[in-house]
Amino acid sequence: MVASAGAFARSTDITVQQFKVKASTSITIGQAVALDSSGHAEVATASAGDVSKGLFCAIETVDNSSGSAGDKNIRCAGGNSFVYMTAGGAIKVGETCKATAGGKIVADTTALGANVVLGRYFGKENETVPSDATTNDVVIVRLGL
């Protein structure tokens, strides 16, 4: 198997939730997803997302770019799921991650501080000894803390 963003990395502790998609929004499989103030799904960024509502990984692509809020639904991984996501920069094994532009993930050097933590970086597919990630690597992330 070749790892692809949005796929489950392990088959245990999988949590899948469904949310209504924000108006004029398109979300691609593997992107980090946040919920807006109305509880609608949108692509998570460094500034979009609220830990009290949760952060997720899209496990399907949904295009609601021409729709109103709630016209379409999206399924997302959450909880303690292990998923493949795309690195938006360098990440060291074990570091906590946050969302960045385009729904990718980067290291969160201020864990539990001002940023919203998405999960923890575990490594890449089929590694016996995990290695650090670089930009655009498809990596395993355990969602949640």
Protein backbone atom coordinates (compact mmCIF):
# COMPACT_ATOMS: atom_id res chain seq x y z
CA MET A 1 0.00 0.00 0.00
CA VAL A 2 1.18 3.50 -0.77
CA ALA A 3 0.16 5.98 1.91
CA SER A 4 -2.22 8.72 0.85
CA ALA A 5 -3.48 11.64 2.90
CA GLY A 6 -6.88 10.98 4.43
CA ALA A 7 -6.45 7.19 4.73
CA PHE A 8 -6.39 5.47 8.10
CA ALA A 9 -2.90 4.43 9.20
CA ARG A 10 -4.12 1.86 11.73
CA SER A 11 -7.37 -0.04 12.04
CA THR A 12 -7.91 0.38 15.79
CA ASP A 13 -9.45 3.27 17.70
CA ILE A 14 -11.09 4.71 14.59
CA THR A 15 -13.57 7.53 15.15
CA VAL A 16 -15.59 8.83 12.19
CA GLN A 17 -17.94 11.77 12.52
CA GLN A 18 -20.09 13.56 9.96
CA PHE A 19 -20.52 17.34 9.78
CA LYS A 20 -22.37 19.83 7.64
CA VAL A 21 -20.04 21.80 5.36
CA LYS A 22 -19.70 25.59 5.52
CA ALA A 23 -21.11 27.62 2.59
CA SER A 24 -18.82 28.22 -0.39
CA THR A 25 -16.32 25.65 0.90
CA SER A 26 -14.48 22.75 -0.70
CA ILE A 27 -12.62 20.24 1.50
CA THR A 28 -10.21 17.65 0.10
CA ILE A 29 -9.46 14.24 1.57
CA GLY A 30 -6.52 14.41 3.97
CA GLN A 31 -6.93 18.08 4.88
CA ALA A 32 -7.20 19.21 8.49
CA VAL A 33 -10.80 20.19 9.25
CA ALA A 34 -12.13 22.61 11.87
CA LEU A 35 -15.66 23.61 12.82
CA ASP A 36 -16.70 27.24 12.56
CA SER A 37 -18.80 29.07 15.17
CA SER A 38 -21.96 27.49 13.72
CA GLY A 39 -20.49 23.98 13.79
CA HIS A 40 -19.96 23.77 10.02
CA ALA A 41 -16.84 22.07 8.65
CA GLU A 42 -14.13 24.17 6.99
CA VAL A 43 -10.46 23.69 6.12
CA ALA A 44 -8.43 24.22 9.28
CA THR A 45 -5.62 26.76 9.23
CA ALA A 46 -3.39 28.28 11.88
CA SER A 47 -6.20 30.72 12.69
CA ALA A 48 -9.32 28.67 11.83
CA GLY A 49 -10.23 26.12 14.43
CA ASP A 50 -11.40 25.85 17.99
CA VAL A 51 -10.14 23.04 20.20
CA SER A 52 -13.42 23.11 22.14
CA LYS A 53 -15.25 22.03 18.97
CA GLY A 54 -12.51 19.63 17.85
CA LEU A 55 -10.15 19.25 14.93
CA PHE A 56 -10.37 16.45 12.40
CA CYS A 57 -8.98 14.93 9.19
CA ALA A 58 -11.21 14.73 6.11
CA ILE A 59 -11.61 11.14 4.92
CA GLU A 60 -13.44 12.15 1.76
CA THR A 61 -13.57 15.11 -0.64
CA VAL A 62 -16.68 17.30 -0.61
CA ASP A 63 -17.27 20.33 -2.83
CA ASN A 64 -19.84 22.75 -1.43
CA SER A 65 -18.25 25.72 -3.20
CA SER A 66 -21.54 26.70 -4.83
CA GLY A 67 -23.78 25.65 -1.94
CA SER A 68 -25.21 27.14 1.22
CA ALA A 69 -24.12 26.15 4.71
CA GLY A 70 -25.25 22.60 5.44
CA ASP A 71 -26.12 21.67 1.84
CA LYS A 72 -23.50 18.91 1.94
CA ASN A 73 -21.98 16.73 4.66
CA ILE A 74 -18.43 15.46 5.12
CA ARG A 75 -17.07 12.47 7.02
CA CYS A 76 -13.98 13.11 9.14
CA ALA A 77 -11.67 11.12 11.38
CA GLY A 78 -11.42 12.35 14.93
CA GLY A 79 -10.69 11.20 18.44
CA ASN A 80 -7.63 8.98 18.75
CA SER A 81 -7.59 7.86 15.10
CA PHE A 82 -4.25 7.35 13.36
CA VAL A 83 -4.47 8.94 9.90
CA TYR A 84 -2.20 9.94 7.05
CA MET A 85 -1.88 13.68 6.54
CA THR A 86 0.43 15.94 4.53
CA ALA A 87 3.25 17.84 6.22
CA GLY A 88 3.41 21.56 5.51
CA GLY A 89 6.94 21.81 6.91
CA ALA A 90 9.53 20.00 9.01
CA ILE A 91 8.18 17.92 11.90
CA LYS A 92 10.21 15.88 14.37
CA VAL A 93 8.99 12.50 15.59
CA GLY A 94 6.77 12.90 18.64
CA GLU A 95 6.06 16.61 18.16
CA THR A 96 2.56 17.93 18.45
CA CYS A 97 1.08 19.27 15.21
CA LYS A 98 -1.20 22.12 14.26
CA ALA A 99 -2.98 23.00 11.04
CA THR A 100 -1.44 25.41 8.58
CA ALA A 101 -2.38 26.86 5.17
CA GLY A 102 -4.20 24.45 2.88
CA GLY A 103 -5.14 22.10 5.69
CA LYS A 104 -1.62 20.66 5.97
CA ILE A 105 0.12 20.13 9.30
CA VAL A 106 3.26 21.59 10.87
CA ALA A 107 5.05 21.23 14.18
CA ASP A 108 3.48 23.14 17.05
CA THR A 109 6.40 24.51 19.05
CA THR A 110 4.08 26.22 21.54
CA ALA A 111 2.06 23.13 22.43
CA LEU A 112 -0.96 23.86 24.56
CA GLY A 113 -0.21 27.56 24.19
CA ALA A 114 -1.72 29.97 21.71
CA ASN A 115 -2.10 27.41 18.91
CA VAL A 116 -4.73 24.71 18.49
CA VAL A 117 -3.12 21.25 18.59
CA LEU A 118 -4.44 18.75 16.03
CA GLY A 119 -2.45 15.70 17.13
CA ARG A 120 1.00 14.14 17.40
CA TYR A 121 3.38 13.10 14.59
CA PHE A 122 4.28 9.38 14.71
CA GLY A 123 6.32 8.73 11.57
CA LYS A 124 5.85 7.62 7.97
CA GLU A 125 4.43 4.48 6.40
CA ASN A 126 6.34 1.21 6.89
CA GLU A 127 9.12 2.69 9.02
CA THR A 128 10.74 0.43 11.61
CA VAL A 129 12.40 3.47 13.19
CA PRO A 130 10.36 6.67 12.69
CA SER A 131 12.07 9.58 10.93
CA ASP A 132 11.44 13.30 10.86
CA ALA A 133 9.13 14.74 8.18
CA THR A 134 9.79 17.39 5.57
CA THR A 135 7.40 19.49 3.49
CA ASN A 136 4.83 17.44 1.52
CA ASP A 137 5.68 14.12 3.17
CA VAL A 138 2.60 11.99 3.84
CA VAL A 139 2.87 11.21 7.54
CA ILE A 140 1.04 9.36 10.32
CA VAL A 141 -0.71 11.58 12.85
CA ARG A 142 -2.56 10.46 15.95
CA LEU A 143 -5.42 12.92 16.26
CA GLY A 144 -5.98 14.41 19.69
CA LEU A 145 -3.51 14.56 22.53
